[in-house]
Amino acid sequence: MNSREELSREDVTSMLFAEMVIQQTNMAMLFLGKVPHPQTGKTQQDLAAARLFIDQLEMLEVKTKGNLTKEEEALLKQSLSHLRLLYVEAANQPQQGKAEQGKTEPLNQAEAAPLGAPETETEDEPRKRFTKKY
């Protein structure tokens, strides 16, 4: 079964759904600075753009709830979980560390706010870090 003609309509739609989820995931990873730009070979970071692709995947999750196969649902959930972790990691990276590395373009402070975080943070309030101890 190498051609689409031999596949059922359901198989083709499932395959197209998976391709779309992977494409959206790859675009989010590109804007999170985790994948080099295909034309320049440089990594860049644009958290607003990455968040847009993550939001689109979240919308797909809501709108397709109950209509996906187990495999499609697993792919979407796994992609979203991975992207959310990468987004929070990127948003919490100190600005000066990025400038020293020279790998990513500088972010503006509004874009660096993690999902659900307050808009402003004073320098008097240290950032809380949570660690797991064993």
N, C-alpha and C. Protein backbone atom coordinates (compact mmCIF):
# COMPACT_ATOMS: atom_id res chain seq x y z
N MET A 1 0.83 -1.19 0.00
CA MET A 1 0.00 0.00 0.00
C MET A 1 0.87 1.25 0.00
N ASN A 2 1.40 1.59 -1.14
CA ASN A 2 2.27 2.75 -1.23
C ASN A 2 1.56 4.00 -1.72
N SER A 3 0.46 3.84 -2.42
CA SER A 3 -0.21 5.03 -2.94
C SER A 3 -1.47 5.32 -2.14
N ARG A 4 -1.90 6.55 -2.21
CA ARG A 4 -3.10 6.96 -1.49
C ARG A 4 -4.35 6.29 -2.05
N GLU A 5 -4.31 5.87 -3.30
CA GLU A 5 -5.46 5.23 -3.92
C GLU A 5 -5.80 3.92 -3.23
N GLU A 6 -4.81 3.24 -2.67
CA GLU A 6 -5.03 1.96 -2.02
C GLU A 6 -5.48 2.12 -0.57
N LEU A 7 -5.41 3.33 -0.04
CA LEU A 7 -5.79 3.58 1.35
C LEU A 7 -7.25 3.99 1.42
N SER A 8 -7.89 3.67 2.52
CA SER A 8 -9.27 4.10 2.72
C SER A 8 -9.30 5.59 3.00
N ARG A 9 -10.45 6.17 2.85
CA ARG A 9 -10.62 7.61 3.12
C ARG A 9 -10.24 7.92 4.56
N GLU A 10 -10.60 7.05 5.47
CA GLU A 10 -10.28 7.24 6.89
C GLU A 10 -8.76 7.21 7.12
N ASP A 11 -8.07 6.31 6.44
CA ASP A 11 -6.62 6.23 6.56
C ASP A 11 -5.94 7.51 6.03
N VAL A 12 -6.45 8.00 4.92
CA VAL A 12 -5.88 9.22 4.32
C VAL A 12 -6.10 10.40 5.25
N THR A 13 -7.31 10.53 5.81
CA THR A 13 -7.57 11.66 6.71
C THR A 13 -6.73 11.54 7.97
N SER A 14 -6.54 10.35 8.46
CA SER A 14 -5.71 10.14 9.65
C SER A 14 -4.26 10.53 9.36
N MET A 15 -3.79 10.16 8.19
CA MET A 15 -2.43 10.49 7.78
C MET A 15 -2.27 12.01 7.63
N LEU A 16 -3.24 12.66 7.02
CA LEU A 16 -3.19 14.12 6.86
C LEU A 16 -3.26 14.83 8.20
N PHE A 17 -4.05 14.32 9.12
CA PHE A 17 -4.13 14.90 10.45
C PHE A 17 -2.77 14.82 11.15
N ALA A 18 -2.15 13.64 11.09
CA ALA A 18 -0.83 13.46 11.71
C ALA A 18 0.20 14.39 11.08
N GLU A 19 0.17 14.54 9.76
CA GLU A 19 1.10 15.44 9.08
C GLU A 19 0.90 16.88 9.53
N MET A 20 -0.36 17.29 9.72
CA MET A 20 -0.64 18.65 10.15
C MET A 20 -0.15 18.88 11.58
N VAL A 21 -0.37 17.93 12.47
CA VAL A 21 0.10 18.06 13.85
C VAL A 21 1.62 18.15 13.87
N ILE A 22 2.28 17.32 13.10
CA ILE A 22 3.75 17.33 13.04
C ILE A 22 4.25 18.66 12.46
N GLN A 23 3.58 19.16 11.42
CA GLN A 23 3.98 20.43 10.82
C GLN A 23 3.84 21.57 11.82
N GLN A 24 2.72 21.62 12.53
CA GLN A 24 2.52 22.67 13.53
C GLN A 24 3.55 22.55 14.66
N THR A 25 3.84 21.33 15.06
CA THR A 25 4.84 21.09 16.10
C THR A 25 6.22 21.56 15.65
N ASN A 26 6.58 21.23 14.43
CA ASN A 26 7.88 21.66 13.90
C ASN A 26 7.99 23.17 13.81
N MET A 27 6.91 23.84 13.43
CA MET A 27 6.94 25.30 13.36
C MET A 27 7.10 25.90 14.76
N ALA A 28 6.41 25.35 15.74
CA ALA A 28 6.55 25.83 17.11
C ALA A 28 7.98 25.62 17.59
N MET A 29 8.56 24.47 17.28
CA MET A 29 9.94 24.19 17.70
C MET A 29 10.93 25.15 17.02
N LEU A 30 10.65 25.50 15.78
CA LEU A 30 11.49 26.46 15.07
C LEU A 30 11.48 27.80 15.81
N PHE A 31 10.28 28.26 16.20
CA PHE A 31 10.17 29.55 16.87
C PHE A 31 10.57 29.50 18.34
N LEU A 32 10.68 28.31 18.90
CA LEU A 32 11.20 28.17 20.26
C LEU A 32 12.73 28.14 20.26
N GLY A 33 13.33 28.14 19.08
CA GLY A 33 14.78 28.13 18.97
C GLY A 33 15.38 26.75 19.14
N LYS A 34 14.58 25.71 18.97
CA LYS A 34 15.05 24.34 19.15
C LYS A 34 15.48 23.68 17.85
N VAL A 35 15.11 24.30 16.73
CA VAL A 35 15.43 23.76 15.41
C VAL A 35 15.98 24.92 14.58
N PRO A 36 17.09 24.72 13.86
CA PRO A 36 17.62 25.82 13.04
C PRO A 36 16.69 26.12 11.86
N HIS A 37 16.68 27.39 11.47
CA HIS A 37 15.89 27.81 10.31
C HIS A 37 16.46 27.11 9.08
N PRO A 38 15.61 26.52 8.24
CA PRO A 38 16.11 25.75 7.10
C PRO A 38 16.90 26.57 6.08
N GLN A 39 16.60 27.86 5.94
CA GLN A 39 17.32 28.67 4.95
C GLN A 39 18.59 29.28 5.51
N THR A 40 18.57 29.73 6.77
CA THR A 40 19.73 30.41 7.33
C THR A 40 20.64 29.49 8.14
N GLY A 41 20.06 28.40 8.65
CA GLY A 41 20.84 27.50 9.50
C GLY A 41 21.01 28.03 10.92
N LYS A 42 20.43 29.20 11.21
CA LYS A 42 20.54 29.81 12.54
C LYS A 42 19.26 29.55 13.33
N THR A 43 19.41 29.48 14.65
CA THR A 43 18.23 29.36 15.47
C THR A 43 17.73 30.75 15.82
N GLN A 44 16.45 30.85 15.97
CA GLN A 44 15.85 32.12 16.35
C GLN A 44 14.76 31.82 17.36
N GLN A 45 14.40 32.82 18.12
CA GLN A 45 13.37 32.60 19.11
C GLN A 45 12.33 33.71 19.01
N ASP A 46 11.09 33.31 18.82
CA ASP A 46 9.96 34.23 18.77
C ASP A 46 8.84 33.54 19.54
N LEU A 47 8.76 33.83 20.83
CA LEU A 47 7.80 33.14 21.69
C LEU A 47 6.35 33.44 21.31
N ALA A 48 6.09 34.62 20.79
CA ALA A 48 4.72 34.94 20.38
C ALA A 48 4.30 34.04 19.21
N ALA A 49 5.18 33.84 18.25
CA ALA A 49 4.87 32.97 17.12
C ALA A 49 4.75 31.51 17.57
N ALA A 50 5.66 31.08 18.45
CA ALA A 50 5.60 29.71 18.97
C ALA A 50 4.28 29.48 19.70
N ARG A 51 3.89 30.47 20.48
CA ARG A 51 2.64 30.35 21.24
C ARG A 51 1.44 30.24 20.32
N LEU A 52 1.47 30.93 19.18
CA LEU A 52 0.39 30.84 18.21
C LEU A 52 0.23 29.40 17.71
N PHE A 53 1.33 28.75 17.37
CA PHE A 53 1.25 27.37 16.89
C PHE A 53 0.79 26.42 18.00
N ILE A 54 1.23 26.65 19.22
CA ILE A 54 0.77 25.84 20.35
C ILE A 54 -0.72 26.06 20.58
N ASP A 55 -1.16 27.31 20.50
CA ASP A 55 -2.58 27.62 20.66
C ASP A 55 -3.42 26.94 19.58
N GLN A 56 -2.90 26.88 18.37
CA GLN A 56 -3.63 26.23 17.28
C GLN A 56 -3.76 24.73 17.54
N LEU A 57 -2.70 24.11 18.06
CA LEU A 57 -2.79 22.69 18.40
C LEU A 57 -3.77 22.47 19.56
N GLU A 58 -3.79 23.38 20.51
CA GLU A 58 -4.76 23.27 21.61
C GLU A 58 -6.19 23.41 21.10
N MET A 59 -6.41 24.29 20.13
CA MET A 59 -7.72 24.44 19.52
C MET A 59 -8.12 23.14 18.82
N LEU A 60 -7.19 22.53 18.11
CA LEU A 60 -7.47 21.25 17.46
C LEU A 60 -7.86 20.19 18.48
N GLU A 61 -7.17 20.18 19.61
CA GLU A 61 -7.47 19.20 20.65
C GLU A 61 -8.91 19.38 21.15
N VAL A 62 -9.32 20.62 21.37
CA VAL A 62 -10.67 20.90 21.86
C VAL A 62 -11.72 20.56 20.80
N LYS A 63 -11.49 21.02 19.57
CA LYS A 63 -12.48 20.86 18.51
C LYS A 63 -12.61 19.42 18.00
N THR A 64 -11.59 18.60 18.21
CA THR A 64 -11.65 17.23 17.71
C THR A 64 -11.90 16.21 18.82
N LYS A 65 -12.13 16.68 20.04
CA LYS A 65 -12.31 15.78 21.18
C LYS A 65 -13.44 14.78 20.88
N GLY A 66 -13.11 13.52 21.07
CA GLY A 66 -14.08 12.45 20.83
C GLY A 66 -14.15 11.98 19.39
N ASN A 67 -13.42 12.63 18.48
CA ASN A 67 -13.47 12.26 17.07
C ASN A 67 -12.15 11.70 16.55
N LEU A 68 -11.17 11.52 17.42
CA LEU A 68 -9.85 11.06 17.00
C LEU A 68 -9.66 9.59 17.34
N THR A 69 -8.81 8.94 16.57
CA THR A 69 -8.40 7.59 16.93
C THR A 69 -7.46 7.68 18.13
N LYS A 70 -7.18 6.56 18.76
CA LYS A 70 -6.27 6.57 19.90
C LYS A 70 -4.89 7.07 19.49
N GLU A 71 -4.45 6.68 18.30
CA GLU A 71 -3.13 7.08 17.82
C GLU A 71 -3.08 8.59 17.55
N GLU A 72 -4.14 9.12 16.92
CA GLU A 72 -4.19 10.56 16.64
C GLU A 72 -4.21 11.36 17.94
N GLU A 73 -5.02 10.91 18.88
CA GLU A 73 -5.11 11.59 20.17
C GLU A 73 -3.77 11.55 20.91
N ALA A 74 -3.10 10.41 20.87
CA ALA A 74 -1.79 10.27 21.54
C ALA A 74 -0.76 11.20 20.90
N LEU A 75 -0.73 11.27 19.58
CA LEU A 75 0.20 12.15 18.88
C LEU A 75 -0.03 13.60 19.28
N LEU A 76 -1.28 14.03 19.29
CA LEU A 76 -1.62 15.41 19.62
C LEU A 76 -1.26 15.72 21.07
N LYS A 77 -1.61 14.84 21.99
CA LYS A 77 -1.30 15.07 23.41
C LYS A 77 0.21 15.10 23.65
N GLN A 78 0.93 14.17 23.04
CA GLN A 78 2.38 14.11 23.21
C GLN A 78 3.04 15.37 22.65
N SER A 79 2.60 15.81 21.48
CA SER A 79 3.15 17.02 20.87
C SER A 79 2.90 18.23 21.76
N LEU A 80 1.68 18.36 22.25
CA LEU A 80 1.34 19.50 23.10
C LEU A 80 2.12 19.48 24.41
N SER A 81 2.24 18.33 25.02
CA SER A 81 2.99 18.24 26.29
C SER A 81 4.44 18.66 26.08
N HIS A 82 5.05 18.16 25.02
CA HIS A 82 6.44 18.47 24.72
C HIS A 82 6.61 19.98 24.45
N LEU A 83 5.72 20.54 23.64
CA LEU A 83 5.82 21.96 23.30
C LEU A 83 5.58 22.85 24.50
N ARG A 84 4.66 22.49 25.34
CA ARG A 84 4.39 23.30 26.54
C ARG A 84 5.62 23.34 27.45
N LEU A 85 6.26 22.19 27.62
CA LEU A 85 7.48 22.16 28.44
C LEU A 85 8.58 23.02 27.83
N LEU A 86 8.77 22.91 26.53
CA LEU A 86 9.79 23.71 25.85
C LEU A 86 9.47 25.20 25.92
N TYR A 87 8.19 25.54 25.81
CA TYR A 87 7.78 26.95 25.89
C TYR A 87 8.10 27.53 27.26
N VAL A 88 7.73 26.81 28.31
CA VAL A 88 7.99 27.30 29.67
C VAL A 88 9.49 27.42 29.89
N GLU A 89 10.24 26.44 29.42
CA GLU A 89 11.71 26.48 29.55
C GLU A 89 12.28 27.71 28.84
N ALA A 90 11.82 27.96 27.62
CA ALA A 90 12.32 29.10 26.86
C ALA A 90 11.91 30.42 27.50
N ALA A 91 10.70 30.49 28.00
CA ALA A 91 10.21 31.72 28.61
C ALA A 91 10.92 32.02 29.92
N ASN A 92 11.40 31.00 30.60
CA ASN A 92 12.06 31.20 31.89
C ASN A 92 13.57 31.36 31.79
N GLN A 93 14.14 31.23 30.61
CA GLN A 93 15.58 31.41 30.45
C GLN A 93 15.94 32.86 30.73
N PRO A 94 17.02 33.10 31.46
CA PRO A 94 17.43 34.48 31.70
C PRO A 94 17.83 35.16 30.40
N GLN A 95 17.47 36.42 30.28
CA GLN A 95 17.77 37.19 29.06
C GLN A 95 19.26 37.28 28.80
N GLN A 96 20.07 37.50 29.85
CA GLN A 96 21.49 37.67 29.65
C GLN A 96 22.17 36.40 29.15
N GLY A 97 21.68 35.24 29.55
CA GLY A 97 22.26 33.97 29.09
C GLY A 97 22.10 33.81 27.59
N LYS A 98 20.97 34.29 27.06
CA LYS A 98 20.73 34.19 25.62
C LYS A 98 21.67 35.09 24.84
N ALA A 99 21.89 36.29 25.35
CA ALA A 99 22.76 37.23 24.65
C ALA A 99 24.19 36.72 24.63
N GLU A 100 24.62 36.09 25.73
CA GLU A 100 25.99 35.57 25.80
C GLU A 100 26.18 34.40 24.85
N GLN A 101 25.15 33.56 24.72
CA GLN A 101 25.28 32.39 23.84
C GLN A 101 25.34 32.81 22.38
N GLY A 102 24.64 33.88 22.03
CA GLY A 102 24.64 34.35 20.66
C GLY A 102 23.91 33.44 19.70
N LYS A 103 23.16 32.48 20.21
CA LYS A 103 22.47 31.53 19.35
C LYS A 103 21.09 31.99 18.95
N THR A 104 20.46 32.79 19.81
CA THR A 104 19.10 33.20 19.53
C THR A 104 19.00 34.71 19.53
N GLU A 105 17.97 35.19 18.84
CA GLU A 105 17.73 36.62 18.82
C GLU A 105 17.13 37.03 20.16
N PRO A 106 17.39 38.25 20.63
CA PRO A 106 16.85 38.67 21.92
C PRO A 106 15.32 38.75 21.87
N LEU A 107 14.72 38.45 23.02
CA LEU A 107 13.27 38.51 23.15
C LEU A 107 12.86 39.80 23.81
N ASN A 108 11.65 40.23 23.54
CA ASN A 108 11.15 41.34 24.31
C ASN A 108 10.48 40.76 25.54
N GLN A 109 10.46 41.50 26.65
CA GLN A 109 10.02 40.97 27.94
C GLN A 109 8.58 40.48 27.90
N ALA A 110 7.69 41.12 27.14
CA ALA A 110 6.29 40.70 27.08
C ALA A 110 6.16 39.31 26.47
N GLU A 111 7.00 38.99 25.48
CA GLU A 111 6.94 37.68 24.85
C GLU A 111 7.48 36.59 25.76
N ALA A 112 8.34 36.95 26.71
CA ALA A 112 8.98 35.96 27.56
C ALA A 112 8.09 35.49 28.69
N ALA A 113 6.94 36.09 28.89
CA ALA A 113 6.07 35.69 29.99
C ALA A 113 5.47 34.32 29.72
N PRO A 114 5.62 33.39 30.66
CA PRO A 114 5.03 32.07 30.47
C PRO A 114 3.52 32.14 30.49
N LEU A 115 2.88 31.11 29.96
CA LEU A 115 1.43 31.06 29.93
C LEU A 115 0.87 31.26 31.32
N GLY A 116 -0.07 32.18 31.48
CA GLY A 116 -0.72 32.41 32.74
C GLY A 116 0.10 33.20 33.75
N ALA A 117 1.27 33.71 33.37
CA ALA A 117 2.12 34.45 34.29
C ALA A 117 1.67 35.90 34.36
N PRO A 118 1.93 36.57 35.49
CA PRO A 118 1.58 37.98 35.57
C PRO A 118 2.37 38.79 34.56
N GLU A 119 1.79 39.88 34.11
CA GLU A 119 2.42 40.71 33.08
C GLU A 119 3.76 41.28 33.50
N THR A 120 3.85 41.77 34.73
CA THR A 120 5.09 42.40 35.16
C THR A 120 5.65 41.72 36.39
N GLU A 121 6.94 41.83 36.55
CA GLU A 121 7.62 41.25 37.70
C GLU A 121 8.66 42.26 38.14
N THR A 122 8.66 42.60 39.42
CA THR A 122 9.64 43.57 39.90
C THR A 122 10.95 42.86 40.18
N GLU A 123 12.03 43.63 40.12
CA GLU A 123 13.34 43.04 40.35
C GLU A 123 13.53 42.69 41.81
N ASP A 124 12.72 43.28 42.71
CA ASP A 124 12.82 42.96 44.13
C ASP A 124 12.28 41.57 44.44
N GLU A 125 11.38 41.07 43.59
CA GLU A 125 10.79 39.75 43.80
C GLU A 125 11.60 38.72 43.03
N PRO A 126 12.29 37.84 43.73
CA PRO A 126 13.05 36.82 43.00
C PRO A 126 12.11 35.83 42.33
N ARG A 127 12.56 35.30 41.24
CA ARG A 127 11.79 34.30 40.52
C ARG A 127 11.82 33.00 41.31
N LYS A 128 10.67 32.41 41.49
CA LYS A 128 10.59 31.17 42.25
C LYS A 128 10.97 30.00 41.34
N ARG A 129 11.82 29.17 41.82
CA ARG A 129 12.22 27.97 41.09
C ARG A 129 11.76 26.76 41.89
N PHE A 130 11.15 25.83 41.22
CA PHE A 130 10.71 24.62 41.87
C PHE A 130 11.63 23.49 41.47
N THR A 131 12.08 22.78 42.46
CA THR A 131 12.95 21.64 42.17
C THR A 131 12.40 20.41 42.85
N LYS A 132 12.64 19.30 42.26
CA LYS A 132 12.19 18.05 42.83
C LYS A 132 13.37 17.38 43.51
N LYS A 133 13.19 17.05 44.78
CA LYS A 133 14.27 16.41 45.52
C LYS A 133 13.91 14.95 45.76
N TYR A 134 14.91 14.12 45.63
CA TYR A 134 14.70 12.68 45.84
C TYR A 134 15.39 12.24 47.11
